[in-house]
Amino acid sequence: MKTLTNQELDHLRSRLYRSGATPSQATALLPLMAQEVEHYMWIGLPFASAVDKVELEANDSPVRYLREKHYNTLVMDNEDPSQQTDLDDIVFAHRNRDYGAYDLRKTYNSALINAIIMTVGLVLLLLAALDAFQRGEWVYLSWAGLAWVVGIHLVGFASFRFYIAQVDSMQ
């Protein structure tokens, strides 16, 4: 397959700029557009006709066309923060997400926070129980009583967060 010359690549870059691409978008989209043009040149079209064919398929918006066609292979900064990809999406871009590792990585932070809250709650419950055992009586109006109440609330809160995360993952 014939590769494009530097002049042809500069021509494609200028076409991307004229269609509204930012410099970072043009840098990311240029190899994809060159691939499309090289495909038509391999079929037998001259360079100018191949560029026209790609732009015709793109309906005069090569940036949108290339972003939609190569969405899975192209990671691009979007202006909308809700569509930005995170590290897990980049790592698992071309991998099987169904075997569980992707779900574990997505829920790791939540599980870690739940574990910390549950651990603190259980430690407070243990300290309160040891203090009551050492005294031989249970007193709610002491640091141990306060630790007992706070520990119960923390364990309940962590359990509730875990339950909500499980319900959300089922949907």
Protein backbone atom coordinates (compact mmCIF):
# COMPACT_ATOMS: atom_id res chain seq x y z
CA MET A 1 0.00 0.00 0.00
CA LYS A 2 1.33 3.43 -0.92
CA THR A 3 1.95 5.78 1.99
CA LEU A 4 1.23 9.48 1.75
CA THR A 5 3.93 12.06 1.26
CA ASN A 6 4.53 14.95 3.64
CA GLN A 7 2.84 17.37 1.21
CA GLU A 8 -0.22 15.14 1.04
CA LEU A 9 -0.32 14.88 4.83
CA ASP A 10 -0.06 18.69 5.10
CA HIS A 11 -2.96 18.95 2.64
CA LEU A 12 -5.06 16.61 4.80
CA ARG A 13 -4.11 18.55 7.95
CA SER A 14 -5.22 21.82 6.33
CA ARG A 15 -8.52 20.16 5.33
CA LEU A 16 -9.06 19.10 8.94
CA TYR A 17 -8.34 22.64 10.17
CA ARG A 18 -10.80 24.08 7.63
CA SER A 19 -13.47 21.67 8.82
CA GLY A 20 -13.17 22.98 12.38
CA ALA A 21 -10.67 20.66 14.06
CA THR A 22 -8.54 21.99 16.88
CA PRO A 23 -4.78 21.32 16.69
CA SER A 24 -5.03 18.42 19.17
CA GLN A 25 -7.98 16.96 17.28
CA ALA A 26 -6.18 17.33 13.96
CA THR A 27 -3.13 15.54 15.38
CA ALA A 28 -5.30 12.65 16.56
CA LEU A 29 -7.46 12.48 13.43
CA LEU A 30 -4.73 12.89 10.79
CA PRO A 31 -3.55 9.24 10.85
CA LEU A 32 -7.15 8.06 10.60
CA MET A 33 -7.94 10.32 7.68
CA ALA A 34 -4.67 9.29 6.01
CA GLN A 35 -5.71 5.65 6.47
CA GLU A 36 -9.05 6.33 4.77
CA VAL A 37 -7.37 8.15 1.88
CA GLU A 38 -4.72 5.43 1.49
CA HIS A 39 -7.51 2.86 1.29
CA TYR A 40 -9.07 4.62 -1.70
CA MET A 41 -5.65 5.16 -3.26
CA TRP A 42 -5.01 1.41 -2.91
CA ILE A 43 -8.24 0.78 -4.82
CA GLY A 44 -6.86 2.94 -7.63
CA LEU A 45 -8.12 6.49 -7.10
CA PRO A 46 -5.66 9.38 -7.37
CA PHE A 47 -4.95 11.40 -4.22
CA ALA A 48 -7.33 14.27 -4.98
CA SER A 49 -10.18 11.89 -5.81
CA ALA A 50 -9.49 9.83 -2.69
CA VAL A 51 -9.66 12.95 -0.50
CA ASP A 52 -12.88 14.02 -2.20
CA LYS A 53 -14.34 10.52 -1.67
CA VAL A 54 -13.49 10.61 2.07
CA GLU A 55 -15.02 14.07 2.44
CA LEU A 56 -18.08 12.98 0.46
CA GLU A 57 -18.59 10.08 2.86
CA ALA A 58 -18.08 12.47 5.74
CA ASN A 59 -20.82 14.84 4.47
CA ASP A 60 -18.38 17.78 4.60
CA SER A 61 -17.57 17.17 8.29
CA PRO A 62 -14.49 14.94 8.43
CA VAL A 63 -13.96 15.60 12.14
CA ARG A 64 -17.37 14.25 13.14
CA TYR A 65 -17.18 11.41 10.61
CA LEU A 66 -13.75 10.21 11.77
CA ARG A 67 -14.69 10.51 15.45
CA GLU A 68 -17.81 8.39 14.92
CA LYS A 69 -16.18 5.80 12.65
CA HIS A 70 -13.09 5.30 14.80
CA TYR A 71 -14.73 5.87 18.20
CA ASN A 72 -13.34 2.66 19.74
CA THR A 73 -9.74 3.33 18.73
CA LEU A 74 -9.69 7.07 19.25
CA VAL A 75 -9.38 8.62 22.68
CA MET A 76 -10.02 12.33 22.37
CA ASP A 77 -10.64 15.13 24.83
CA ASN A 78 -14.24 16.21 24.58
CA GLU A 79 -15.55 19.55 25.66
CA ASP A 80 -18.34 17.81 27.59
CA PRO A 81 -16.85 16.52 30.87
CA SER A 82 -19.52 13.80 31.15
CA GLN A 83 -18.08 12.08 28.04
CA GLN A 84 -14.45 12.05 29.16
CA THR A 85 -12.98 8.60 29.56
CA ASP A 86 -11.24 7.49 32.71
CA LEU A 87 -8.19 5.28 33.08
CA ASP A 88 -10.26 2.09 33.37
CA ASP A 89 -11.97 2.76 30.03
CA ILE A 90 -8.58 3.33 28.38
CA VAL A 91 -7.07 0.17 29.88
CA PHE A 92 -10.05 -1.97 28.85
CA ALA A 93 -10.62 -0.31 25.45
CA HIS A 94 -10.03 -3.46 23.38
CA ARG A 95 -10.39 -6.13 26.03
CA ASN A 96 -13.15 -8.37 27.27
CA ARG A 97 -14.98 -6.54 30.06
CA ASP A 98 -17.32 -9.42 30.89
CA TYR A 99 -15.02 -11.61 32.98
CA GLY A 100 -15.07 -9.33 36.03
CA ALA A 101 -11.82 -7.37 36.22
CA TYR A 102 -13.39 -4.26 34.67
CA ASP A 103 -16.23 -4.31 37.22
CA LEU A 104 -13.77 -4.81 40.08
CA ARG A 105 -11.68 -1.84 38.96
CA LYS A 106 -14.75 0.36 38.52
CA THR A 107 -16.05 -0.43 42.03
CA TYR A 108 -12.66 -0.49 43.80
CA ASN A 109 -12.85 3.01 45.29
CA SER A 110 -16.34 2.48 46.65
CA ALA A 111 -15.40 -0.91 48.10
CA LEU A 112 -12.30 0.57 49.73
CA ILE A 113 -14.31 3.36 51.36
CA ASN A 114 -16.87 0.82 52.61
CA ALA A 115 -14.09 -1.35 54.03
CA ILE A 116 -12.51 1.58 55.88
CA ILE A 117 -15.83 2.71 57.34
CA MET A 118 -16.70 -0.86 58.37
CA THR A 119 -13.25 -1.38 59.95
CA VAL A 120 -13.44 1.83 61.98
CA GLY A 121 -16.94 0.90 63.13
CA LEU A 122 -15.91 -2.62 64.16
CA VAL A 123 -12.83 -1.33 66.00
CA LEU A 124 -15.00 1.14 67.94
CA LEU A 125 -17.43 -1.67 68.82
CA LEU A 126 -14.55 -3.88 69.96
CA LEU A 127 -13.03 -1.11 72.11
CA ALA A 128 -16.40 -0.38 73.70
CA ALA A 129 -16.99 -4.07 74.42
CA LEU A 130 -13.51 -4.49 75.94
CA ASP A 131 -14.04 -1.42 78.13
CA ALA A 132 -17.40 -2.77 79.33
CA PHE A 133 -15.85 -6.18 80.02
CA GLN A 134 -12.99 -4.59 81.99
CA ARG A 135 -15.37 -2.46 84.09
CA GLY A 136 -17.82 -5.26 84.60
CA GLU A 137 -20.75 -2.99 83.74
CA TRP A 138 -22.14 -1.16 80.74
CA VAL A 139 -22.30 2.64 80.90
CA TYR A 140 -23.76 4.56 77.96
CA LEU A 141 -22.60 7.91 79.34
CA SER A 142 -18.90 7.29 78.79
CA TRP A 143 -16.46 7.30 75.92
CA ALA A 144 -17.13 3.57 75.47
CA GLY A 145 -20.87 4.17 75.19
CA LEU A 146 -20.29 6.87 72.60
CA ALA A 147 -17.86 4.59 70.74
CA TRP A 148 -20.51 1.83 70.78
CA VAL A 149 -23.20 4.09 69.29
CA VAL A 150 -20.85 5.56 66.67
CA GLY A 151 -19.56 2.06 65.78
CA ILE A 152 -23.09 0.74 65.26
CA HIS A 153 -23.91 3.69 63.04
CA LEU A 154 -20.73 3.29 60.98
CA VAL A 155 -21.28 -0.44 60.47
CA GLY A 156 -24.89 0.21 59.49
CA PHE A 157 -23.88 3.00 57.10
CA ALA A 158 -21.20 0.85 55.43
CA SER A 159 -23.67 -2.03 55.11
CA PHE A 160 -26.24 0.29 53.54
CA ARG A 161 -23.65 1.64 51.06
CA PHE A 162 -22.69 -1.92 50.14
CA TYR A 163 -26.34 -2.86 49.61
CA ILE A 164 -26.96 0.20 47.39
CA ALA A 165 -23.83 -0.61 45.33
CA GLN A 166 -25.06 -4.18 44.83
CA VAL A 167 -28.51 -2.99 43.76
CA ASP A 168 -26.97 -0.50 41.30
CA SER A 169 -24.69 -3.17 39.81
CA MET A 170 -27.69 -5.44 39.17
CA GLN A 171 -29.33 -2.82 36.96
